Amino acid sequence: MLSNIGFPGLILILVVALIVFGPSKLPEIGKAVGSSLREFKKATNDIMNENDDYNNKEKR
């Protein structure tokens, strides 16, 4: 779904975000979203590693 946005759609989203939140809040929102994505990715990788460890123990 997100791959179909394209450059004009991305510009429109950024303009709407700028109007709604204002220029002073956008860096804070970007930082919060980035840290949330980083935590989600780390948790996902941890779960996948635990699953791989569990599967490797069962095969022995």
Protein backbone atom coordinates (compact mmCIF):
# COMPACT_ATOMS: atom_id res chain seq x y z
CA MET A 1 0.00 0.00 0.00
CA LEU A 2 2.73 2.47 0.91
CA SER A 3 4.70 1.64 -2.21
CA ASN A 4 1.90 3.11 -4.33
CA ILE A 5 2.01 6.59 -2.76
CA GLY A 6 4.60 8.11 -5.08
CA PHE A 7 6.39 11.43 -4.85
CA PRO A 8 3.34 13.75 -5.30
CA GLY A 9 1.44 11.86 -2.61
CA LEU A 10 4.38 12.11 -0.25
CA ILE A 11 4.60 15.87 -0.81
CA LEU A 12 0.87 16.20 -0.12
CA ILE A 13 1.18 14.23 3.13
CA LEU A 14 4.10 16.41 4.27
CA VAL A 15 2.21 19.63 3.48
CA VAL A 16 -0.86 18.43 5.40
CA ALA A 17 1.33 17.41 8.35
CA LEU A 18 3.00 20.82 8.28
CA ILE A 19 -0.37 22.57 8.34
CA VAL A 20 -1.83 20.36 11.08
CA PHE A 21 1.16 20.15 13.45
CA GLY A 22 3.17 23.25 12.58
CA PRO A 23 6.88 23.54 11.86
CA SER A 24 7.97 23.39 15.50
CA LYS A 25 6.32 20.02 16.24
CA LEU A 26 7.41 18.11 13.11
CA PRO A 27 10.98 17.32 14.31
CA GLU A 28 9.63 16.03 17.61
CA ILE A 29 7.07 13.85 15.83
CA GLY A 30 9.71 12.52 13.43
CA LYS A 31 12.02 11.64 16.30
CA ALA A 32 9.21 9.87 18.16
CA VAL A 33 8.19 7.89 15.08
CA GLY A 34 11.81 6.94 14.38
CA SER A 35 12.43 5.70 17.91
CA SER A 36 9.15 3.76 17.88
CA LEU A 37 10.08 2.07 14.61
CA ARG A 38 13.54 1.26 15.97
CA GLU A 39 12.04 -0.36 19.09
CA PHE A 40 9.51 -2.31 17.00
CA LYS A 41 12.24 -3.59 14.69
CA LYS A 42 14.42 -4.62 17.65
CA ALA A 43 11.51 -6.46 19.29
CA THR A 44 10.67 -8.21 16.03
CA ASN A 45 14.27 -9.32 15.56
CA ASP A 46 14.41 -10.58 19.15
CA ILE A 47 11.25 -12.63 18.65
CA MET A 48 12.57 -14.07 15.37
CA ASN A 49 15.89 -14.98 17.01
CA GLU A 50 14.11 -16.70 19.90
CA ASN A 51 11.99 -18.63 17.41
CA ASP A 52 15.09 -19.69 15.46
CA ASP A 53 16.79 -20.81 18.67
CA TYR A 54 13.73 -22.82 19.64
CA ASN A 55 13.52 -24.46 16.21
CA ASN A 56 17.23 -25.32 16.24
CA LYS A 57 16.90 -26.99 19.68
CA GLU A 58 13.98 -29.12 18.48
CA LYS A 59 15.90 -30.38 15.44
CA ARG A 60 18.68 -31.83 17.59
